[in-house]
Amino acid sequence: MKRIILISLILLVGCTKPELPTPIAPNTRVFDVKENSVSNGQLIYFDLPSVGTYTLTLTDKVSGQVISRERFSGQTGENIKKIYTNSIQSQYLYLLLEDVTKKELGKTTIIIK
């Protein structure tokens, strides 16, 4: 009986998969690429040149209609924002980053998954 339990225990331990660490992908800056696929609640990463007030605007690519606009206080270097897409009807949008003087700092196409 002891041999059966011992053999079962050895087989059980020998058949388990080793836990390997999952590699963490580097955060891609949203304005570094021409097109981005996003899903609801996804974090977007971008860099800002200095502390100040900035505006992120989502515009319908076909009609040019402004879908949303957010004004925020940005920090020098990496900034993170969450993008919500559940209520947006359009599949293709422009994401535009501007400073307080309306100078365009970044523009990319957003494709909603």
PDB file of N, CA and C in Angstrom:
ATOM      1  N   MET A   1       0.824  -1.190   0.000  1.00  0.00           N
ATOM      2  CA  MET A   1       0.000   0.000   0.000  1.00  0.00           C
ATOM      3  C   MET A   1       0.881   1.271   0.000  1.00  0.00           C
ATOM      4  N   LYS A   2       1.981   1.194   0.794  1.00  0.00           N
ATOM      5  CA  LYS A   2       2.877   2.341   0.856  1.00  0.00           C
ATOM      6  C   LYS A   2       3.541   2.586  -0.492  1.00  0.00           C
ATOM      7  N   ARG A   3       3.873   1.519  -1.207  1.00  0.00           N
ATOM      8  CA  ARG A   3       4.498   1.659  -2.521  1.00  0.00           C
ATOM      9  C   ARG A   3       3.547   2.326  -3.514  1.00  0.00           C
ATOM     10  N   ILE A   4       2.289   1.989  -3.490  1.00  0.00           N
ATOM     11  CA  ILE A   4       1.306   2.574  -4.410  1.00  0.00           C
ATOM     12  C   ILE A   4       1.167   4.071  -4.138  1.00  0.00           C
ATOM     13  N   ILE A   5       1.101   4.448  -2.879  1.00  0.00           N
ATOM     14  CA  ILE A   5       0.994   5.859  -2.523  1.00  0.00           C
ATOM     15  C   ILE A   5       2.269   6.602  -2.933  1.00  0.00           C
ATOM     16  N   LEU A   6       3.420   6.029  -2.695  1.00  0.00           N
ATOM     17  CA  LEU A   6       4.694   6.640  -3.056  1.00  0.00           C
ATOM     18  C   LEU A   6       4.816   6.810  -4.567  1.00  0.00           C
ATOM     19  N   ILE A   7       4.470   5.790  -5.333  1.00  0.00           N
ATOM     20  CA  ILE A   7       4.520   5.867  -6.802  1.00  0.00           C
ATOM     21  C   ILE A   7       3.532   6.914  -7.312  1.00  0.00           C
ATOM     22  N   SER A   8       2.331   6.967  -6.729  1.00  0.00           N
ATOM     23  CA  SER A   8       1.330   7.960  -7.130  1.00  0.00           C
ATOM     24  C   SER A   8       1.825   9.375  -6.853  1.00  0.00           C
ATOM     25  N   LEU A   9       2.462   9.568  -5.711  1.00  0.00           N
ATOM     26  CA  LEU A   9       2.991  10.873  -5.353  1.00  0.00           C
ATOM     27  C   LEU A   9       4.109  11.298  -6.309  1.00  0.00           C
ATOM     28  N   ILE A  10       4.992  10.384  -6.666  1.00  0.00           N
ATOM     29  CA  ILE A  10       6.088  10.677  -7.609  1.00  0.00           C
ATOM     30  C   ILE A  10       5.536  11.021  -8.986  1.00  0.00           C
ATOM     31  N   LEU A  11       4.540  10.277  -9.442  1.00  0.00           N
ATOM     32  CA  LEU A  11       3.933  10.574 -10.745  1.00  0.00           C
ATOM     33  C   LEU A  11       3.219  11.922 -10.732  1.00  0.00           C
ATOM     34  N   LEU A  12       2.549  12.232  -9.632  1.00  0.00           N
ATOM     35  CA  LEU A  12       1.829  13.497  -9.524  1.00  0.00           C
ATOM     36  C   LEU A  12       2.796  14.684  -9.580  1.00  0.00           C
ATOM     37  N   VAL A  13       3.889  14.607  -8.853  1.00  0.00           N
ATOM     38  CA  VAL A  13       4.877  15.690  -8.845  1.00  0.00           C
ATOM     39  C   VAL A  13       5.592  15.765 -10.194  1.00  0.00           C
ATOM     40  N   GLY A  14       5.866  14.652 -10.808  1.00  0.00           N
ATOM     41  CA  GLY A  14       6.585  14.622 -12.082  1.00  0.00           C
ATOM     42  C   GLY A  14       5.760  15.115 -13.254  1.00  0.00           C
ATOM     43  N   CYS A  15       4.447  15.081 -13.138  1.00  0.00           N
ATOM     44  CA  CYS A  15       3.583  15.459 -14.258  1.00  0.00           C
ATOM     45  C   CYS A  15       3.098  16.904 -14.197  1.00  0.00           C
ATOM     46  N   THR A  16       3.446  17.653 -13.187  1.00  0.00           N
ATOM     47  CA  THR A  16       3.007  19.049 -13.121  1.00  0.00           C
ATOM     48  C   THR A  16       3.920  19.924 -13.959  1.00  0.00           C
ATOM     49  N   LYS A  17       3.320  20.956 -14.547  1.00  0.00           N
ATOM     50  CA  LYS A  17       4.086  21.888 -15.375  1.00  0.00           C
ATOM     51  C   LYS A  17       4.856  22.859 -14.486  1.00  0.00           C
ATOM     52  N   PRO A  18       6.081  23.154 -14.861  1.00  0.00           N
ATOM     53  CA  PRO A  18       6.827  24.152 -14.083  1.00  0.00           C
ATOM     54  C   PRO A  18       6.242  25.542 -14.342  1.00  0.00           C
ATOM     55  N   GLU A  19       6.224  26.365 -13.314  1.00  0.00           N
ATOM     56  CA  GLU A  19       5.709  27.716 -13.464  1.00  0.00           C
ATOM     57  C   GLU A  19       6.817  28.629 -13.962  1.00  0.00           C
ATOM     58  N   LEU A  20       6.670  29.082 -15.191  1.00  0.00           N
ATOM     59  CA  LEU A  20       7.649  29.984 -15.799  1.00  0.00           C
ATOM     60  C   LEU A  20       7.137  31.409 -15.687  1.00  0.00           C
ATOM     61  N   PRO A  21       8.000  32.361 -15.446  1.00  0.00           N
ATOM     62  CA  PRO A  21       7.536  33.750 -15.368  1.00  0.00           C
ATOM     63  C   PRO A  21       7.060  34.224 -16.743  1.00  0.00           C
ATOM     64  N   THR A  22       5.954  34.952 -16.742  1.00  0.00           N
ATOM     65  CA  THR A  22       5.403  35.496 -17.977  1.00  0.00           C
ATOM     66  C   THR A  22       6.171  36.764 -18.329  1.00  0.00           C
ATOM     67  N   PRO A  23       6.707  36.836 -19.554  1.00  0.00           N
ATOM     68  CA  PRO A  23       7.438  38.058 -19.920  1.00  0.00           C
ATOM     69  C   PRO A  23       6.485  39.240 -20.031  1.00  0.00           C
ATOM     70  N   ILE A  24       6.912  40.370 -19.526  1.00  0.00           N
ATOM     71  CA  ILE A  24       6.103  41.583 -19.581  1.00  0.00           C
ATOM     72  C   ILE A  24       6.519  42.372 -20.812  1.00  0.00           C
ATOM     73  N   ALA A  25       5.523  42.632 -21.672  1.00  0.00           N
ATOM     74  CA  ALA A  25       5.802  43.377 -22.899  1.00  0.00           C
ATOM     75  C   ALA A  25       6.033  44.847 -22.563  1.00  0.00           C
ATOM     76  N   PRO A  26       6.970  45.488 -23.242  1.00  0.00           N
ATOM     77  CA  PRO A  26       7.184  46.912 -22.987  1.00  0.00           C
ATOM     78  C   PRO A  26       5.966  47.708 -23.453  1.00  0.00           C
ATOM     79  N   ASN A  27       5.696  48.810 -22.764  1.00  0.00           N
ATOM     80  CA  ASN A  27       4.551  49.643 -23.115  1.00  0.00           C
ATOM     81  C   ASN A  27       4.869  50.442 -24.371  1.00  0.00           C
ATOM     82  N   THR A  28       4.065  50.241 -25.405  1.00  0.00           N
ATOM     83  CA  THR A  28       4.243  50.960 -26.654  1.00  0.00           C
ATOM     84  C   THR A  28       3.597  52.331 -26.531  1.00  0.00           C
ATOM     85  N   ARG A  29       4.311  53.338 -26.918  1.00  0.00           N
ATOM     86  CA  ARG A  29       3.773  54.695 -26.898  1.00  0.00           C
ATOM     87  C   ARG A  29       2.764  54.833 -28.031  1.00  0.00           C
ATOM     88  N   VAL A  30       1.586  55.360 -27.708  1.00  0.00           N
ATOM     89  CA  VAL A  30       0.482  55.413 -28.666  1.00  0.00           C
ATOM     90  C   VAL A  30       0.808  56.286 -29.879  1.00  0.00           C
ATOM     91  N   PHE A  31       1.585  57.331 -29.701  1.00  0.00           N
ATOM     92  CA  PHE A  31       1.881  58.231 -30.815  1.00  0.00           C
ATOM     93  C   PHE A  31       3.155  57.842 -31.578  1.00  0.00           C
ATOM     94  N   ASP A  32       3.801  56.762 -31.164  1.00  0.00           N
ATOM     95  CA  ASP A  32       4.999  56.295 -31.861  1.00  0.00           C
ATOM     96  C   ASP A  32       4.673  55.451 -33.091  1.00  0.00           C
ATOM     97  N   VAL A  33       3.424  54.995 -33.210  1.00  0.00           N
ATOM     98  CA  VAL A  33       3.014  54.189 -34.353  1.00  0.00           C
ATOM     99  C   VAL A  33       1.863  54.885 -35.074  1.00  0.00           C
ATOM    100  N   LYS A  34       1.678  54.518 -36.328  1.00  0.00           N
ATOM    101  CA  LYS A  34       0.672  55.175 -37.158  1.00  0.00           C
ATOM    102  C   LYS A  34      -0.745  54.735 -36.814  1.00  0.00           C
ATOM    103  N   GLU A  35      -0.932  53.435 -36.501  1.00  0.00           N
ATOM    104  CA  GLU A  35      -2.245  52.890 -36.159  1.00  0.00           C
ATOM    105  C   GLU A  35      -2.144  52.079 -34.874  1.00  0.00           C
ATOM    106  N   ASN A  36      -3.204  52.168 -34.056  1.00  0.00           N
ATOM    107  CA  ASN A  36      -3.277  51.435 -32.801  1.00  0.00           C
ATOM    108  C   ASN A  36      -4.626  50.748 -32.703  1.00  0.00           C
ATOM    109  N   SER A  37      -4.640  49.487 -32.333  1.00  0.00           N
ATOM    110  CA  SER A  37      -5.881  48.786 -32.033  1.00  0.00           C
ATOM    111  C   SER A  37      -6.095  48.863 -30.536  1.00  0.00           C
ATOM    112  N   VAL A  38      -7.274  49.325 -30.129  1.00  0.00           N
ATOM    113  CA  VAL A  38      -7.558  49.461 -28.704  1.00  0.00           C
ATOM    114  C   VAL A  38      -8.884  48.795 -28.366  1.00  0.00           C
ATOM    115  N   SER A  39      -9.011  48.399 -27.113  1.00  0.00           N
ATOM    116  CA  SER A  39     -10.262  47.863 -26.607  1.00  0.00           C
ATOM    117  C   SER A  39     -10.693  48.717 -25.426  1.00  0.00           C
ATOM    118  N   ASN A  40     -11.932  48.553 -24.998  1.00  0.00           N
ATOM    119  CA  ASN A  40     -12.474  49.377 -23.927  1.00  0.00           C
ATOM    120  C   ASN A  40     -11.676  49.209 -22.636  1.00  0.00           C
ATOM    121  N   GLY A  41     -11.330  50.326 -22.026  1.00  0.00           N
ATOM    122  CA  GLY A  41     -10.610  50.313 -20.764  1.00  0.00           C
ATOM    123  C   GLY A  41      -9.112  50.121 -20.881  1.00  0.00           C
ATOM    124  N   GLN A  42      -8.599  50.109 -22.089  1.00  0.00           N
ATOM    125  CA  GLN A  42      -7.165  49.898 -22.297  1.00  0.00           C
ATOM    126  C   GLN A  42      -6.381  51.143 -21.897  1.00  0.00           C
ATOM    127  N   LEU A  43      -5.202  50.914 -21.341  1.00  0.00           N
ATOM    128  CA  LEU A  43      -4.315  52.020 -20.996  1.00  0.00           C
ATOM    129  C   LEU A  43      -3.512  52.434 -22.224  1.00  0.00           C
ATOM    130  N   ILE A  44      -3.367  53.738 -22.420  1.00  0.00           N
ATOM    131  CA  ILE A  44      -2.507  54.244 -23.488  1.00  0.00           C
ATOM    132  C   ILE A  44      -1.372  55.023 -22.836  1.00  0.00           C
ATOM    133  N   TYR A  45      -0.195  54.910 -23.410  1.00  0.00           N
ATOM    134  CA  TYR A  45       1.017  55.528 -22.877  1.00  0.00           C
ATOM    135  C   TYR A  45       1.536  56.540 -23.892  1.00  0.00           C
ATOM    136  N   PHE A  46       1.971  57.688 -23.397  1.00  0.00           N
ATOM    137  CA  PHE A  46       2.566  58.702 -24.265  1.00  0.00           C
ATOM    138  C   PHE A  46       3.488  59.587 -23.434  1.00  0.00           C
ATOM    139  N   ASP A  47       4.411  60.241 -24.106  1.00  0.00           N
ATOM    140  CA  ASP A  47       5.377  61.115 -23.446  1.00  0.00           C
ATOM    141  C   ASP A  47       5.013  62.571 -23.682  1.00  0.00           C
ATOM    142  N   LEU A  48       5.273  63.402 -22.668  1.00  0.00           N
ATOM    143  CA  LEU A  48       5.045  64.842 -22.767  1.00  0.00           C
ATOM    144  C   LEU A  48       6.359  65.575 -22.512  1.00  0.00           C
ATOM    145  N   PRO A  49       6.570  66.705 -23.202  1.00  0.00           N
ATOM    146  CA  PRO A  49       7.833  67.421 -23.060  1.00  0.00           C
ATOM    147  C   PRO A  49       7.987  68.177 -21.742  1.00  0.00           C
ATOM    148  N   SER A  50       6.863  68.594 -21.129  1.00  0.00           N
ATOM    149  CA  SER A  50       6.955  69.379 -19.894  1.00  0.00           C
ATOM    150  C   SER A  50       5.652  69.296 -19.111  1.00  0.00           C
ATOM    151  N   VAL A  51       5.692  69.796 -17.897  1.00  0.00           N
ATOM    152  CA  VAL A  51       4.494  69.885 -17.058  1.00  0.00           C
ATOM    153  C   VAL A  51       3.575  70.945 -17.657  1.00  0.00           C
ATOM    154  N   GLY A  52       2.278  70.684 -17.702  1.00  0.00           N
ATOM    155  CA  GLY A  52       1.346  71.664 -18.232  1.00  0.00           C
ATOM    156  C   GLY A  52      -0.014  71.066 -18.509  1.00  0.00           C
ATOM    157  N   THR A  53      -0.867  71.861 -19.135  1.00  0.00           N
ATOM    158  CA  THR A  53      -2.216  71.449 -19.497  1.00  0.00           C
ATOM    159  C   THR A  53      -2.213  70.983 -20.944  1.00  0.00           C
ATOM    160  N   TYR A  54      -2.785  69.804 -21.167  1.00  0.00           N
ATOM    161  CA  TYR A  54      -2.827  69.203 -22.495  1.00  0.00           C
ATOM    162  C   TYR A  54      -4.246  68.739 -22.793  1.00  0.00           C
ATOM    163  N   THR A  55      -4.523  68.492 -24.076  1.00  0.00           N
ATOM    164  CA  THR A  55      -5.841  68.032 -24.499  1.00  0.00           C
ATOM    165  C   THR A  55      -5.694  66.808 -25.384  1.00  0.00           C
ATOM    166  N   LEU A  56      -6.469  65.767 -25.074  1.00  0.00           N
ATOM    167  CA  LEU A  56      -6.594  64.582 -25.932  1.00  0.00           C
ATOM    168  C   LEU A  56      -7.957  64.645 -26.594  1.00  0.00           C
ATOM    169  N   THR A  57      -7.995  64.560 -27.924  1.00  0.00           N
ATOM    170  CA  THR A  57      -9.242  64.647 -28.669  1.00  0.00           C
ATOM    171  C   THR A  57      -9.401  63.413 -29.541  1.00  0.00           C
ATOM    172  N   LEU A  58     -10.580  62.779 -29.468  1.00  0.00           N
ATOM    173  CA  LEU A  58     -10.941  61.670 -30.354  1.00  0.00           C
ATOM    174  C   LEU A  58     -11.884  62.210 -31.411  1.00  0.00           C
ATOM    175  N   THR A  59     -11.528  62.027 -32.681  1.00  0.00           N
ATOM    176  CA  THR A  59     -12.306  62.536 -33.799  1.00  0.00           C
ATOM    177  C   THR A  59     -12.632  61.395 -34.746  1.00  0.00           C
ATOM    178  N   ASP A  60     -13.876  61.366 -35.241  1.00  0.00           N
ATOM    179  CA  ASP A  60     -14.275  60.366 -36.226  1.00  0.00           C
ATOM    180  C   ASP A  60     -13.455  60.583 -37.491  1.00  0.00           C
ATOM    181  N   LYS A  61     -12.829  59.531 -37.991  1.00  0.00           N
ATOM    182  CA  LYS A  61     -11.937  59.637 -39.147  1.00  0.00           C
ATOM    183  C   LYS A  61     -12.695  59.989 -40.429  1.00  0.00           C
ATOM    184  N   VAL A  62     -13.936  59.514 -40.559  1.00  0.00           N
ATOM    185  CA  VAL A  62     -14.707  59.744 -41.779  1.00  0.00           C
ATOM    186  C   VAL A  62     -15.377  61.115 -41.773  1.00  0.00           C
ATOM    187  N   SER A  63     -16.157  61.418 -40.725  1.00  0.00           N
ATOM    188  CA  SER A  63     -16.946  62.650 -40.699  1.00  0.00           C
ATOM    189  C   SER A  63     -16.199  63.847 -40.126  1.00  0.00           C
ATOM    190  N   GLY A  64     -15.122  63.614 -39.382  1.00  0.00           N
ATOM    191  CA  GLY A  64     -14.395  64.709 -38.756  1.00  0.00           C
ATOM    192  C   GLY A  64     -15.049  65.221 -37.484  1.00  0.00           C
ATOM    193  N   GLN A  65     -16.116  64.587 -37.039  1.00  0.00           N
ATOM    194  CA  GLN A  65     -16.839  65.004 -35.843  1.00  0.00           C
ATOM    195  C   GLN A  65     -16.052  64.636 -34.580  1.00  0.00           C
ATOM    196  N   VAL A  66     -15.997  65.571 -33.632  1.00  0.00           N
ATOM    197  CA  VAL A  66     -15.315  65.317 -32.366  1.00  0.00           C
ATOM    198  C   VAL A  66     -16.171  64.377 -31.527  1.00  0.00           C
ATOM    199  N   ILE A  67     -15.583  63.255 -31.122  1.00  0.00           N
ATOM    200  CA  ILE A  67     -16.279  62.256 -30.313  1.00  0.00           C
ATOM    201  C   ILE A  67     -16.091  62.568 -28.834  1.00  0.00           C
ATOM    202  N   SER A  68     -14.867  62.869 -28.428  1.00  0.00           N
ATOM    203  CA  SER A  68     -14.605  63.238 -27.037  1.00  0.00           C
ATOM    204  C   SER A  68     -13.369  64.121 -26.964  1.00  0.00           C
ATOM    205  N   ARG A  69     -13.311  64.871 -25.888  1.00  0.00           N
ATOM    206  CA  ARG A  69     -12.172  65.757 -25.661  1.00  0.00           C
ATOM    207  C   ARG A  69     -11.911  65.775 -24.160  1.00  0.00           C
ATOM    208  N   GLU A  70     -10.663  65.561 -23.798  1.00  0.00           N
ATOM    209  CA  GLU A  70     -10.293  65.576 -22.383  1.00  0.00           C
ATOM    210  C   GLU A  70      -9.118  66.505 -22.169  1.00  0.00           C
ATOM    211  N   ARG A  71      -9.287  67.435 -21.259  1.00  0.00           N
ATOM    212  CA  ARG A  71      -8.208  68.329 -20.873  1.00  0.00           C
ATOM    213  C   ARG A  71      -7.649  67.811 -19.549  1.00  0.00           C
ATOM    214  N   PHE A  72      -6.329  67.723 -19.450  1.00  0.00           N
ATOM    215  CA  PHE A  72      -5.715  67.163 -18.256  1.00  0.00           C
ATOM    216  C   PHE A  72      -4.382  67.852 -17.973  1.00  0.00           C
ATOM    217  N   SER A  73      -3.932  67.694 -16.743  1.00  0.00           N
ATOM    218  CA  SER A  73      -2.621  68.201 -16.341  1.00  0.00           C
ATOM    219  C   SER A  73      -1.604  67.096 -16.539  1.00  0.00           C
ATOM    220  N   GLY A  74      -0.652  67.337 -17.413  1.00  0.00           N
ATOM    221  CA  GLY A  74       0.353  66.332 -17.728  1.00  0.00           C
ATOM    222  C   GLY A  74       1.662  66.587 -17.007  1.00  0.00           C
ATOM    223  N   GLN A  75       2.442  65.533 -16.873  1.00  0.00           N
ATOM    224  CA  GLN A  75       3.753  65.592 -16.241  1.00  0.00           C
ATOM    225  C   GLN A  75       4.831  65.363 -17.296  1.00  0.00           C
ATOM    226  N   THR A  76       6.028  65.800 -17.029  1.00  0.00           N
ATOM    227  CA  THR A  76       7.148  65.563 -17.925  1.00  0.00           C
ATOM    228  C   THR A  76       7.419  64.069 -18.009  1.00  0.00           C
ATOM    229  N   GLY A  77       7.628  63.561 -19.214  1.00  0.00           N
ATOM    230  CA  GLY A  77       7.922  62.145 -19.408  1.00  0.00           C
ATOM    231  C   GLY A  77       6.662  61.338 -19.656  1.00  0.00           C
ATOM    232  N   GLU A  78       6.669  60.092 -19.166  1.00  0.00           N
ATOM    233  CA  GLU A  78       5.569  59.163 -19.457  1.00  0.00           C
ATOM    234  C   GLU A  78       4.280  59.546 -18.731  1.00  0.00           C
ATOM    235  N   ASN A  79       3.182  59.518 -19.480  1.00  0.00           N
ATOM    236  CA  ASN A  79       1.847  59.743 -18.952  1.00  0.00           C
ATOM    237  C   ASN A  79       0.976  58.569 -19.384  1.00  0.00           C
ATOM    238  N   ILE A  80      -0.015  58.233 -18.556  1.00  0.00           N
ATOM    239  CA  ILE A  80      -0.888  57.095 -18.822  1.00  0.00           C
ATOM    240  C   ILE A  80      -2.329  57.556 -18.709  1.00  0.00           C
ATOM    241  N   LYS A  81      -3.141  57.186 -19.684  1.00  0.00           N
ATOM    242  CA  LYS A  81      -4.579  57.470 -19.674  1.00  0.00           C
ATOM    243  C   LYS A  81      -5.316  56.204 -20.070  1.00  0.00           C
ATOM    244  N   LYS A  82      -6.554  56.088 -19.611  1.00  0.00           N
ATOM    245  CA  LYS A  82      -7.403  54.970 -19.976  1.00  0.00           C
ATOM    246  C   LYS A  82      -8.352  55.443 -21.069  1.00  0.00           C
ATOM    247  N   ILE A  83      -8.551  54.601 -22.081  1.00  0.00           N
ATOM    248  CA  ILE A  83      -9.445  54.960 -23.178  1.00  0.00           C
ATOM    249  C   ILE A  83     -10.680  54.061 -23.111  1.00  0.00           C
ATOM    250  N   TYR A  84     -11.852  54.699 -23.153  1.00  0.00           N
ATOM    251  CA  TYR A  84     -13.126  53.977 -23.089  1.00  0.00           C
ATOM    252  C   TYR A  84     -13.806  54.057 -24.442  1.00  0.00           C
ATOM    253  N   THR A  85     -14.205  52.902 -24.979  1.00  0.00           N
ATOM    254  CA  THR A  85     -14.732  52.853 -26.345  1.00  0.00           C
ATOM    255  C   THR A  85     -16.114  52.214 -26.454  1.00  0.00           C
ATOM    256  N   ASN A  86     -16.736  51.816 -25.344  1.00  0.00           N
ATOM    257  CA  ASN A  86     -18.019  51.112 -25.416  1.00  0.00           C
ATOM    258  C   ASN A  86     -19.111  51.908 -26.118  1.00  0.00           C
ATOM    259  N   SER A  87     -19.191  53.197 -25.872  1.00  0.00           N
ATOM    260  CA  SER A  87     -20.286  53.998 -26.430  1.00  0.00           C
ATOM    261  C   SER A  87     -19.952  54.613 -27.787  1.00  0.00           C
ATOM    262  N   ILE A  88     -18.792  54.326 -28.337  1.00  0.00           N
ATOM    263  CA  ILE A  88     -18.387  54.911 -29.620  1.00  0.00           C
ATOM    264  C   ILE A  88     -18.857  54.018 -30.765  1.00  0.00           C
ATOM    265  N   GLN A  89     -19.560  54.600 -31.713  1.00  0.00           N
ATOM    266  CA  GLN A  89     -20.108  53.859 -32.852  1.00  0.00           C
ATOM    267  C   GLN A  89     -19.071  53.626 -33.950  1.00  0.00           C
ATOM    268  N   SER A  90     -18.196  54.598 -34.157  1.00  0.00           N
ATOM    269  CA  SER A  90     -17.232  54.533 -35.250  1.00  0.00           C
ATOM    270  C   SER A  90     -16.131  53.517 -34.956  1.00  0.00           C
ATOM    271  N   GLN A  91     -15.603  52.900 -35.995  1.00  0.00           N
ATOM    272  CA  GLN A  91     -14.509  51.939 -35.870  1.00  0.00           C
ATOM    273  C   GLN A  91     -13.140  52.601 -35.983  1.00  0.00           C
ATOM    274  N   TYR A  92     -13.057  53.687 -36.754  1.00  0.00           N
ATOM    275  CA  TYR A  92     -11.784  54.353 -37.018  1.00  0.00           C
ATOM    276  C   TYR A  92     -11.842  55.789 -36.505  1.00  0.00           C
ATOM    277  N   LEU A  93     -10.861  56.141 -35.677  1.00  0.00           N
ATOM    278  CA  LEU A  93     -10.810  57.462 -35.066  1.00  0.00           C
ATOM    279  C   LEU A  93      -9.398  58.019 -35.157  1.00  0.00           C
ATOM    280  N   TYR A  94      -9.310  59.336 -35.058  1.00  0.00           N
ATOM    281  CA  TYR A  94      -8.019  59.985 -34.861  1.00  0.00           C
ATOM    282  C   TYR A  94      -7.903  60.329 -33.385  1.00  0.00           C
ATOM    283  N   LEU A  95      -6.723  60.121 -32.819  1.00  0.00           N
ATOM    284  CA  LEU A  95      -6.414  60.572 -31.468  1.00  0.00           C
ATOM    285  C   LEU A  95      -5.378  61.667 -31.602  1.00  0.00           C
ATOM    286  N   LEU A  96      -5.700  62.841 -31.098  1.00  0.00           N
ATOM    287  CA  LEU A  96      -4.861  64.019 -31.256  1.00  0.00           C
ATOM    288  C   LEU A  96      -4.446  64.544 -29.879  1.00  0.00           C
ATOM    289  N   LEU A  97      -3.173  64.815 -29.711  1.00  0.00           N
ATOM    290  CA  LEU A  97      -2.639  65.399 -28.480  1.00  0.00           C
ATOM    291  C   LEU A  97      -2.182  66.816 -28.779  1.00  0.00           C
ATOM    292  N   GLU A  98      -2.707  67.791 -28.015  1.00  0.00           N
ATOM    293  CA  GLU A  98      -2.355  69.201 -28.201  1.00  0.00           C
ATOM    294  C   GLU A  98      -1.972  69.817 -26.862  1.00  0.00           C
ATOM    295  N   ASP A  99      -1.114  70.834 -26.929  1.00  0.00           N
ATOM    296  CA  ASP A  99      -0.807  71.578 -25.714  1.00  0.00           C
ATOM    297  C   ASP A  99      -1.798  72.719 -25.566  1.00  0.00           C
ATOM    298  N   VAL A 100      -1.597  73.581 -24.579  1.00  0.00           N
ATOM    299  CA  VAL A 100      -2.544  74.649 -24.280  1.00  0.00           C
ATOM    300  C   VAL A 100      -2.628  75.693 -25.400  1.00  0.00           C
ATOM    301  N   THR A 101      -1.592  75.800 -26.237  1.00  0.00           N
ATOM    302  CA  THR A 101      -1.597  76.756 -27.356  1.00  0.00           C
ATOM    303  C   THR A 101      -2.154  76.140 -28.637  1.00  0.00           C
ATOM    304  N   LYS A 102      -2.747  74.937 -28.531  1.00  0.00           N
ATOM    305  CA  LYS A 102      -3.322  74.186 -29.660  1.00  0.00           C
ATOM    306  C   LYS A 102      -2.266  73.655 -30.620  1.00  0.00           C
ATOM    307  N   LYS A 103      -1.014  73.585 -30.170  1.00  0.00           N
ATOM    308  CA  LYS A 103       0.057  73.010 -30.983  1.00  0.00           C
ATOM    309  C   LYS A 103      -0.070  71.490 -30.940  1.00  0.00           C
ATOM    310  N   GLU A 104      -0.091  70.862 -32.112  1.00  0.00           N
ATOM    311  CA  GLU A 104      -0.225  69.409 -32.211  1.00  0.00           C
ATOM    312  C   GLU A 104       1.080  68.730 -31.807  1.00  0.00           C
ATOM    313  N   LEU A 105       1.009  67.878 -30.781  1.00  0.00           N
ATOM    314  CA  LEU A 105       2.182  67.156 -30.311  1.00  0.00           C
ATOM    315  C   LEU A 105       2.204  65.708 -30.785  1.00  0.00           C
ATOM    316  N   GLY A 106       1.039  65.187 -31.142  1.00  0.00           N
ATOM    317  CA  GLY A 106       0.964  63.809 -31.611  1.00  0.00           C
ATOM    318  C   GLY A 106      -0.386  63.512 -32.224  1.00  0.00           C
ATOM    319  N   LYS A 107      -0.388  62.635 -33.229  1.00  0.00           N
ATOM    320  CA  LYS A 107      -1.637  62.249 -33.876  1.00  0.00           C
ATOM    321  C   LYS A 107      -1.476  60.810 -34.349  1.00  0.00           C
ATOM    322  N   THR A 108      -2.502  59.999 -34.136  1.00  0.00           N
ATOM    323  CA  THR A 108      -2.478  58.599 -34.549  1.00  0.00           C
ATOM    324  C   THR A 108      -3.888  58.149 -34.881  1.00  0.00           C
ATOM    325  N   THR A 109      -3.991  57.036 -35.584  1.00  0.00           N
ATOM    326  CA  THR A 109      -5.284  56.447 -35.891  1.00  0.00           C
ATOM    327  C   THR A 109      -5.587  55.360 -34.875  1.00  0.00           C
ATOM    328  N   ILE A 110      -6.817  55.370 -34.369  1.00  0.00           N
ATOM    329  CA  ILE A 110      -7.275  54.378 -33.406  1.00  0.00           C
ATOM    330  C   ILE A 110      -8.273  53.475 -34.105  1.00  0.00           C
ATOM    331  N   ILE A 111      -8.067  52.162 -34.010  1.00  0.00           N
ATOM    332  CA  ILE A 111      -8.993  51.169 -34.537  1.00  0.00           C
ATOM    333  C   ILE A 111      -9.605  50.459 -33.340  1.00  0.00           C
ATOM    334  N   ILE A 112     -10.920  50.525 -33.217  1.00  0.00           N
ATOM    335  CA  ILE A 112     -11.607  49.938 -32.073  1.00  0.00           C
ATOM    336  C   ILE A 112     -11.835  48.450 -32.336  1.00  0.00           C
ATOM    337  N   LYS A 113     -11.394  47.621 -31.391  1.00  0.00           N
ATOM    338  CA  LYS A 113     -11.579  46.163 -31.490  1.00  0.00           C
ATOM    339  C   LYS A 113     -12.991  45.787 -31.128  1.00  0.00           C
TER     340      LYS A 113
END
